[in-house]
Amino acid sequence: MKHLEEYRNPDAVKHYVRRIMETAGRRFTIMEICGGQTHAILKYGIDRLLEDNIGFIHGPGCPVCITPADKIIAAMEIASSDDVIFCSFGDMLRVPAGGGDLLSTRASGADVRMVYSPIDALKIARANPEKTVVFFAIGFETTAPATALAVYKAKMENLSNFSMLVSHSLVLPAVRYILSSPDNGIDGILAAGHVCTVSGYEGYEEIAREFEMPITVTGFEPVDLLRGIYSCVRLMESGKNIVDNQYSRAVVREGNKTARDMIGEVFRVADSEWRGIGIIRESGLVLREEYADYDALKRFGVSAPAVSESNECISGEVLKGNRKPYHCPAFGTKCTPEHPLGATMVSSEGACAAYYNYMEVRDRE
């Protein structure tokens, strides 16, 4: 990418909108997987530009939103322990669970710090040998390599005051889960370019064949997204159930082998709970036995309790693509970014936050 303006160029936007309108023989439904794509689609009005040709279903690609509530309860308990410095990405601090969140835990006196990477938490552990430093490791394949590297370095350095509360998830099993529903209503998929940067898109090729579903790998800027949508429309019109990589400046078919090897060194695949969805088989990462000493749940003897969700919040249905945020009676009234009922209203990639921030009142009718 030389200049950001290239990917927000109005003439290029008009070009792709026109091509999509000319190519689409009927109205198609596309699922964009990543919450970052959802925000961009709404922020730049792409859904409006294409409303006669394309309907969007928002996928579960927000790692903050799908982090189980019981993990957040465990995080608050660990953070409240004596001599603990608890480190987390900023988005996780306000995610509600069990009537609280990490921000209120910090207000009660816990040492909860926002960091930008697990390597930052590792530096804090080195600088504070008298404290136990715990990093809340969340995210998809994009953040897992850095988490794995931090654990790997901690073991190499024999850093005994560092551990992880791990809640990493894998995207492909969730896509398979959603497509396995016979009434999913999806005609094509926009795969998230940043995830594919690490994982590649070979796995999507299998999904495209199995579910007879065209898939386009795309980025997050307006021109990226429109080019990806145009590609997906062309595939749907031609009946080609293949993967088209429209994010070739960052993505190759096999992904980043070094990053994948680091993930495989530290983690193994396991069944995982997705908040609002339930257990999805082989959709999570847990520390391998060789790195079990860095498992915060084991170190602190914390068992993540079952947590009941708000009866008013429909974020689970939003994450599964079954409902839109404005279908929720609490949306914009009882549930706002300042007072969220669910994680989808908190995260910078949450669908509810996107609708709240970018859609006008008449769009919610």
Protein backbone atom coordinates (compact mmCIF):
# COMPACT_ATOMS: atom_id res chain seq x y z
CA MET A 1 0.00 0.00 0.00
CA LYS A 2 1.65 3.24 -1.13
CA HIS A 3 -1.03 5.72 -0.18
CA LEU A 4 -4.21 5.19 1.81
CA GLU A 5 -6.05 7.51 -0.55
CA GLU A 6 -5.75 4.89 -3.29
CA TYR A 7 -8.16 2.67 -1.37
CA ARG A 8 -10.63 5.47 -0.62
CA ASN A 9 -10.63 6.98 -4.10
CA PRO A 10 -14.17 8.21 -4.99
CA ASP A 11 -13.75 7.42 -8.68
CA ALA A 12 -12.69 3.85 -7.91
CA VAL A 13 -15.64 3.52 -5.54
CA LYS A 14 -18.07 4.69 -8.23
CA HIS A 15 -16.46 2.34 -10.75
CA TYR A 16 -16.95 -0.76 -8.60
CA VAL A 17 -20.45 0.21 -7.50
CA ARG A 18 -21.43 0.56 -11.16
CA ARG A 19 -19.83 -2.77 -12.08
CA ILE A 20 -21.62 -4.54 -9.22
CA MET A 21 -24.97 -3.09 -10.28
CA GLU A 22 -24.38 -4.09 -13.89
CA THR A 23 -23.27 -7.62 -13.00
CA ALA A 24 -25.76 -8.67 -10.33
CA GLY A 25 -28.68 -10.38 -12.02
CA ARG A 26 -30.59 -10.55 -8.75
CA ARG A 27 -30.19 -9.42 -5.15
CA PHE A 28 -27.51 -11.49 -3.42
CA THR A 29 -26.83 -11.99 0.28
CA ILE A 30 -23.17 -11.82 1.31
CA MET A 31 -21.71 -12.54 4.73
CA GLU A 32 -18.69 -10.48 5.65
CA ILE A 33 -16.87 -12.44 8.33
CA CYS A 34 -14.88 -9.76 10.13
CA GLY A 35 -16.31 -7.11 12.42
CA GLY A 36 -13.80 -4.65 10.95
CA GLN A 37 -15.43 -5.21 7.57
CA THR A 38 -18.86 -4.65 9.13
CA HIS A 39 -17.76 -1.30 10.54
CA ALA A 40 -16.25 -0.22 7.22
CA ILE A 41 -19.36 -1.25 5.25
CA LEU A 42 -21.57 0.87 7.52
CA LYS A 43 -19.11 3.73 8.03
CA TYR A 44 -18.67 4.31 4.31
CA GLY A 45 -22.30 3.60 3.42
CA ILE A 46 -21.48 0.62 1.21
CA ASP A 47 -24.65 -1.14 2.36
CA ARG A 48 -26.68 1.85 1.14
CA LEU A 49 -24.87 2.19 -2.16
CA LEU A 50 -25.65 -1.45 -2.92
CA GLU A 51 -28.96 -1.94 -1.11
CA ASP A 52 -30.81 -2.88 -4.32
CA ASN A 53 -28.21 -5.48 -5.24
CA ILE A 54 -26.59 -6.76 -2.05
CA GLY A 55 -27.83 -7.62 1.43
CA PHE A 56 -25.21 -8.11 4.13
CA ILE A 57 -25.18 -10.69 6.89
CA HIS A 58 -22.69 -9.89 9.62
CA GLY A 59 -20.52 -12.81 10.66
CA PRO A 60 -19.11 -13.67 14.10
CA GLY A 61 -15.67 -12.22 13.35
CA CYS A 62 -15.27 -10.06 16.46
CA PRO A 63 -12.93 -11.75 18.95
CA VAL A 64 -13.98 -9.49 21.82
CA CYS A 65 -17.64 -10.27 21.21
CA ILE A 66 -17.25 -14.04 21.23
CA THR A 67 -14.97 -14.27 24.29
CA PRO A 68 -17.02 -16.35 26.76
CA ALA A 69 -18.47 -14.56 29.76
CA ASP A 70 -17.01 -17.16 32.10
CA LYS A 71 -13.51 -16.27 30.89
CA ILE A 72 -14.20 -12.62 31.72
CA ILE A 73 -15.43 -13.62 35.19
CA ALA A 74 -12.21 -15.60 35.63
CA ALA A 75 -10.23 -12.59 34.43
CA MET A 76 -11.84 -10.37 37.06
CA GLU A 77 -11.11 -12.93 39.79
CA ILE A 78 -7.47 -13.29 38.78
CA ALA A 79 -7.03 -9.53 38.45
CA SER A 80 -8.36 -9.09 41.99
CA SER A 81 -5.72 -11.43 43.44
CA ASP A 82 -2.88 -10.03 45.55
CA ASP A 83 0.31 -8.92 43.79
CA VAL A 84 -1.14 -9.39 40.30
CA ILE A 85 -0.73 -7.06 37.33
CA PHE A 86 -3.45 -7.99 34.85
CA CYS A 87 -2.84 -6.91 31.25
CA SER A 88 -5.47 -6.76 28.52
CA PHE A 89 -6.31 -5.17 25.21
CA GLY A 90 -8.41 -2.05 25.75
CA ASP A 91 -11.57 -3.41 24.13
CA MET A 92 -11.87 -6.12 26.78
CA LEU A 93 -11.96 -3.74 29.74
CA ARG A 94 -15.62 -2.80 29.34
CA VAL A 95 -17.10 -6.09 28.18
CA PRO A 96 -19.84 -6.97 30.67
CA ALA A 97 -20.08 -10.35 32.39
CA GLY A 98 -21.82 -11.36 35.60
CA GLY A 99 -22.71 -7.79 36.47
CA GLY A 100 -19.18 -6.43 36.21
CA ASP A 101 -16.24 -5.84 33.92
CA LEU A 102 -12.48 -5.40 34.11
CA LEU A 103 -12.81 -1.62 34.28
CA SER A 104 -14.92 -1.84 37.45
CA THR A 105 -12.42 -4.37 38.79
CA ARG A 106 -9.68 -1.80 38.29
CA ALA A 107 -11.83 0.85 39.98
CA SER A 108 -12.04 -1.47 42.99
CA GLY A 109 -8.28 -1.41 43.34
CA ALA A 110 -6.97 -4.13 41.06
CA ASP A 111 -3.89 -3.37 38.95
CA VAL A 112 -5.45 -3.77 35.49
CA ARG A 113 -3.45 -2.30 32.63
CA MET A 114 -4.20 -1.78 28.96
CA VAL A 115 -1.49 -3.02 26.63
CA TYR A 116 -1.16 -3.15 22.86
CA SER A 117 0.48 -6.57 22.59
CA PRO A 118 1.46 -9.58 24.71
CA ILE A 119 5.07 -8.50 24.29
CA ASP A 120 4.18 -5.38 26.29
CA ALA A 121 2.92 -7.64 29.09
CA LEU A 122 6.13 -9.64 28.89
CA LYS A 123 8.14 -6.43 29.38
CA ILE A 124 6.03 -5.58 32.43
CA ALA A 125 6.78 -9.03 33.88
CA ARG A 126 10.51 -8.51 33.39
CA ALA A 127 10.34 -5.10 35.07
CA ASN A 128 8.25 -6.32 38.02
CA PRO A 129 9.74 -9.62 39.24
CA GLU A 130 7.94 -9.27 42.60
CA LYS A 131 4.53 -9.28 40.84
CA THR A 132 2.66 -11.94 38.90
CA VAL A 133 1.79 -10.63 35.44
CA VAL A 134 -1.16 -12.14 33.56
CA PHE A 135 -2.06 -11.37 29.96
CA PHE A 136 -5.63 -11.87 28.70
CA ALA A 137 -4.92 -13.54 25.35
CA ILE A 138 -7.88 -13.12 23.01
CA GLY A 139 -8.27 -12.92 19.27
CA PHE A 140 -8.24 -14.96 16.10
CA GLU A 141 -5.31 -16.16 14.02
CA THR A 142 -4.13 -12.57 13.70
CA THR A 143 -3.14 -12.13 17.34
CA ALA A 144 -2.27 -15.75 18.17
CA PRO A 145 1.31 -15.62 16.76
CA ALA A 146 2.29 -12.75 19.07
CA THR A 147 0.74 -14.53 22.04
CA ALA A 148 2.59 -17.71 21.16
CA LEU A 149 5.85 -15.79 20.80
CA ALA A 150 5.40 -14.19 24.24
CA VAL A 151 4.87 -17.58 25.90
CA TYR A 152 7.78 -19.07 23.96
CA LYS A 153 10.07 -16.23 25.06
CA ALA A 154 8.89 -16.51 28.67
CA LYS A 155 9.79 -20.19 28.71
CA MET A 156 13.16 -19.59 27.06
CA GLU A 157 13.93 -16.94 29.69
CA ASN A 158 12.50 -19.08 32.51
CA LEU A 159 10.29 -16.12 33.42
CA SER A 160 8.23 -17.60 36.23
CA ASN A 161 6.07 -14.55 37.04
CA PHE A 162 4.30 -14.49 33.66
CA SER A 163 1.18 -16.37 32.54
CA MET A 164 -1.73 -16.22 30.10
CA LEU A 165 -5.49 -16.43 30.36
CA VAL A 166 -6.04 -17.87 26.89
CA SER A 167 -9.20 -17.35 24.85
CA HIS A 168 -8.01 -17.63 21.25
CA SER A 169 -10.47 -18.73 18.56
CA LEU A 170 -10.22 -19.95 14.98
CA VAL A 171 -12.36 -18.47 12.23
CA LEU A 172 -12.87 -21.36 9.79
CA PRO A 173 -14.74 -23.69 12.19
CA ALA A 174 -17.19 -20.86 12.94
CA VAL A 175 -17.79 -20.26 9.23
CA ARG A 176 -18.41 -23.97 8.78
CA TYR A 177 -20.81 -23.91 11.76
CA ILE A 178 -22.87 -21.07 10.28
CA LEU A 179 -22.98 -22.56 6.79
CA SER A 180 -24.09 -25.90 8.24
CA SER A 181 -27.40 -24.30 9.20
CA PRO A 182 -29.83 -25.18 6.36
CA ASP A 183 -31.53 -21.77 6.53
CA ASN A 184 -28.42 -19.57 6.60
CA GLY A 185 -29.50 -17.71 3.44
CA ILE A 186 -25.92 -16.87 2.41
CA ASP A 187 -24.96 -16.68 -1.28
CA GLY A 188 -21.29 -15.68 -0.92
CA ILE A 189 -18.64 -14.82 1.64
CA LEU A 190 -16.08 -12.07 2.14
CA ALA A 191 -13.14 -13.61 4.00
CA ALA A 192 -11.09 -11.40 6.32
CA GLY A 193 -7.78 -10.47 4.76
CA HIS A 194 -5.86 -10.03 8.01
CA VAL A 195 -6.76 -13.53 9.22
CA CYS A 196 -5.80 -15.00 5.86
CA THR A 197 -2.47 -13.16 6.08
CA VAL A 198 -1.60 -15.66 8.81
CA SER A 199 -3.68 -18.73 7.97
CA GLY A 200 -3.79 -18.46 4.19
CA TYR A 201 -6.95 -19.44 2.35
CA GLU A 202 -6.48 -23.14 1.59
CA GLY A 203 -9.07 -23.96 4.26
CA TYR A 204 -11.60 -21.71 2.54
CA GLU A 205 -11.13 -23.66 -0.68
CA GLU A 206 -12.44 -26.76 1.07
CA ILE A 207 -15.42 -24.82 2.44
CA ALA A 208 -16.17 -23.36 -1.01
CA ARG A 209 -16.34 -26.87 -2.47
CA GLU A 210 -18.24 -28.47 0.41
CA PHE A 211 -20.93 -25.82 0.71
CA GLU A 212 -20.89 -24.73 -2.96
CA MET A 213 -20.13 -21.22 -1.81
CA PRO A 214 -18.00 -18.61 -3.63
CA ILE A 215 -15.56 -16.83 -1.32
CA THR A 216 -13.48 -13.71 -1.86
CA VAL A 217 -10.58 -12.69 0.36
CA THR A 218 -10.66 -8.93 0.82
CA GLY A 219 -9.42 -6.04 2.92
CA PHE A 220 -11.09 -3.28 4.87
CA GLU A 221 -10.92 -0.03 2.94
CA PRO A 222 -13.85 1.00 0.70
CA VAL A 223 -12.13 0.12 -2.58
CA ASP A 224 -10.89 -3.17 -1.10
CA LEU A 225 -14.38 -4.13 0.00
CA LEU A 226 -16.12 -3.08 -3.21
CA ARG A 227 -13.57 -4.91 -5.33
CA GLY A 228 -14.11 -7.96 -3.15
CA ILE A 229 -17.89 -7.67 -3.45
CA TYR A 230 -17.61 -7.29 -7.21
CA SER A 231 -15.46 -10.41 -7.37
CA CYS A 232 -17.94 -12.32 -5.22
CA VAL A 233 -20.87 -11.20 -7.41
CA ARG A 234 -19.04 -12.37 -10.53
CA LEU A 235 -18.41 -15.76 -8.92
CA MET A 236 -22.03 -16.07 -7.81
CA GLU A 237 -23.32 -15.14 -11.27
CA SER A 238 -21.01 -17.65 -12.96
CA GLY A 239 -21.69 -20.43 -10.45
CA LYS A 240 -17.98 -20.81 -9.61
CA ASN A 241 -17.59 -22.08 -6.06
CA ILE A 242 -13.97 -21.11 -5.64
CA VAL A 243 -11.83 -18.71 -3.59
CA ASP A 244 -10.65 -15.49 -5.21
CA ASN A 245 -7.87 -13.61 -3.44
CA GLN A 246 -8.49 -9.88 -3.87
CA TYR A 247 -6.04 -8.97 -1.10
CA SER A 248 -2.90 -10.20 -2.79
CA ARG A 249 -0.79 -7.33 -1.49
CA ALA A 250 -0.95 -9.02 1.93
CA VAL A 251 -2.27 -12.56 1.47
CA VAL A 252 -0.83 -15.66 -0.17
CA ARG A 253 -2.52 -19.05 -0.39
CA GLU A 254 -0.37 -20.79 2.23
CA GLY A 255 -0.36 -17.84 4.65
CA ASN A 256 2.58 -17.01 6.91
CA LYS A 257 4.41 -20.25 7.63
CA THR A 258 6.59 -18.73 10.35
CA ALA A 259 3.55 -17.42 12.22
CA ARG A 260 1.68 -20.71 11.80
CA ASP A 261 4.67 -22.68 13.06
CA MET A 262 4.89 -20.48 16.15
CA ILE A 263 1.19 -21.04 16.87
CA GLY A 264 1.67 -24.80 16.44
CA GLU A 265 4.69 -24.80 18.76
CA VAL A 266 2.80 -23.30 21.70
CA PHE A 267 -0.88 -24.15 21.12
CA ARG A 268 -3.02 -27.13 20.21
CA VAL A 269 -6.53 -27.03 18.75
CA ALA A 270 -9.48 -27.76 21.06
CA ASP A 271 -13.24 -27.35 21.22
CA SER A 272 -14.15 -23.84 22.30
CA GLU A 273 -17.14 -21.87 23.51
CA TRP A 274 -18.18 -18.81 21.52
CA ARG A 275 -20.22 -16.31 23.51
CA GLY A 276 -23.81 -16.25 22.32
CA ILE A 277 -23.25 -19.24 20.05
CA GLY A 278 -22.08 -22.16 22.18
CA ILE A 279 -19.44 -24.82 21.73
CA ILE A 280 -17.91 -25.04 18.26
CA ARG A 281 -15.76 -28.09 17.65
CA GLU A 282 -12.02 -27.55 17.17
CA SER A 283 -12.44 -23.78 17.09
CA GLY A 284 -10.09 -22.74 19.87
CA LEU A 285 -6.46 -22.80 20.92
CA VAL A 286 -5.14 -23.99 24.29
CA LEU A 287 -1.61 -24.17 25.59
CA ARG A 288 0.27 -27.39 24.94
CA GLU A 289 1.35 -29.44 27.93
CA GLU A 290 4.93 -28.23 27.55
CA TYR A 291 3.67 -24.70 28.27
CA ALA A 292 1.09 -25.57 30.94
CA ASP A 293 3.06 -23.63 33.57
CA TYR A 294 1.97 -20.47 31.78
CA ASP A 295 -1.75 -21.25 32.01
CA ALA A 296 -3.25 -18.66 34.39
CA LEU A 297 -6.35 -20.74 35.10
CA LYS A 298 -4.19 -23.57 36.40
CA ARG A 299 -1.76 -21.27 38.19
CA PHE A 300 -4.49 -19.49 40.13
CA GLY A 301 -6.75 -22.52 40.52
CA VAL A 302 -9.64 -20.61 38.98
CA SER A 303 -12.50 -22.48 37.37
CA ALA A 304 -14.52 -20.40 34.96
CA PRO A 305 -18.12 -20.44 36.27
CA ALA A 306 -21.24 -20.72 34.14
CA VAL A 307 -22.72 -17.26 33.61
CA SER A 308 -26.26 -16.42 32.53
CA GLU A 309 -26.65 -13.72 29.89
CA SER A 310 -29.05 -10.80 29.88
CA ASN A 311 -32.52 -11.85 28.73
CA GLU A 312 -32.83 -8.57 26.85
CA CYS A 313 -29.65 -8.97 24.79
CA ILE A 314 -29.84 -10.74 21.41
CA SER A 315 -26.11 -10.48 20.66
CA GLY A 316 -25.89 -14.25 20.15
CA GLU A 317 -28.40 -14.06 17.31
CA VAL A 318 -26.51 -11.07 15.88
CA LEU A 319 -23.24 -13.01 15.97
CA LYS A 320 -24.85 -15.94 14.15
CA GLY A 321 -26.19 -13.58 11.48
CA ASN A 322 -29.81 -14.39 12.32
CA ARG A 323 -30.77 -10.90 13.48
CA LYS A 324 -29.67 -7.30 12.97
CA PRO A 325 -28.79 -5.10 15.96
CA TYR A 326 -31.85 -2.91 15.50
CA HIS A 327 -34.06 -5.97 15.99
CA CYS A 328 -33.13 -5.84 19.67
CA PRO A 329 -35.68 -3.87 21.77
CA ALA A 330 -32.86 -2.64 24.02
CA PHE A 331 -30.73 -1.33 21.13
CA GLY A 332 -29.90 2.35 21.55
CA THR A 333 -32.03 2.69 24.68
CA LYS A 334 -31.12 0.31 27.51
CA CYS A 335 -28.05 -0.83 25.55
CA THR A 336 -25.54 1.81 24.43
CA PRO A 337 -21.73 1.92 24.22
CA GLU A 338 -21.72 3.72 27.59
CA HIS A 339 -24.02 1.13 29.21
CA PRO A 340 -23.76 -2.08 27.16
CA LEU A 341 -25.82 -5.19 27.79
CA GLY A 342 -23.66 -7.29 25.48
CA ALA A 343 -20.17 -7.45 24.04
CA THR A 344 -21.32 -6.55 20.52
CA MET A 345 -22.08 -3.02 21.74
CA VAL A 346 -18.65 -2.58 23.35
CA SER A 347 -16.08 -3.79 20.87
CA SER A 348 -14.66 -1.61 18.11
CA GLU A 349 -15.53 -4.54 15.82
CA GLY A 350 -18.96 -5.33 17.28
CA ALA A 351 -21.95 -5.16 14.95
CA CYS A 352 -24.16 -3.38 17.49
CA ALA A 353 -21.52 -0.69 18.00
CA ALA A 354 -21.25 -0.27 14.21
CA TYR A 355 -25.00 0.22 13.83
CA TYR A 356 -25.12 2.56 16.80
CA ASN A 357 -22.27 4.70 15.48
CA TYR A 358 -23.05 4.84 11.77
CA MET A 359 -26.71 4.26 11.05
CA GLU A 360 -29.29 7.02 11.16
CA VAL A 361 -32.58 6.59 12.97
CA ARG A 362 -34.56 5.99 9.76
CA ASP A 363 -32.30 3.01 8.98
CA ARG A 364 -33.39 1.31 12.19
CA GLU A 365 -37.05 1.16 11.27
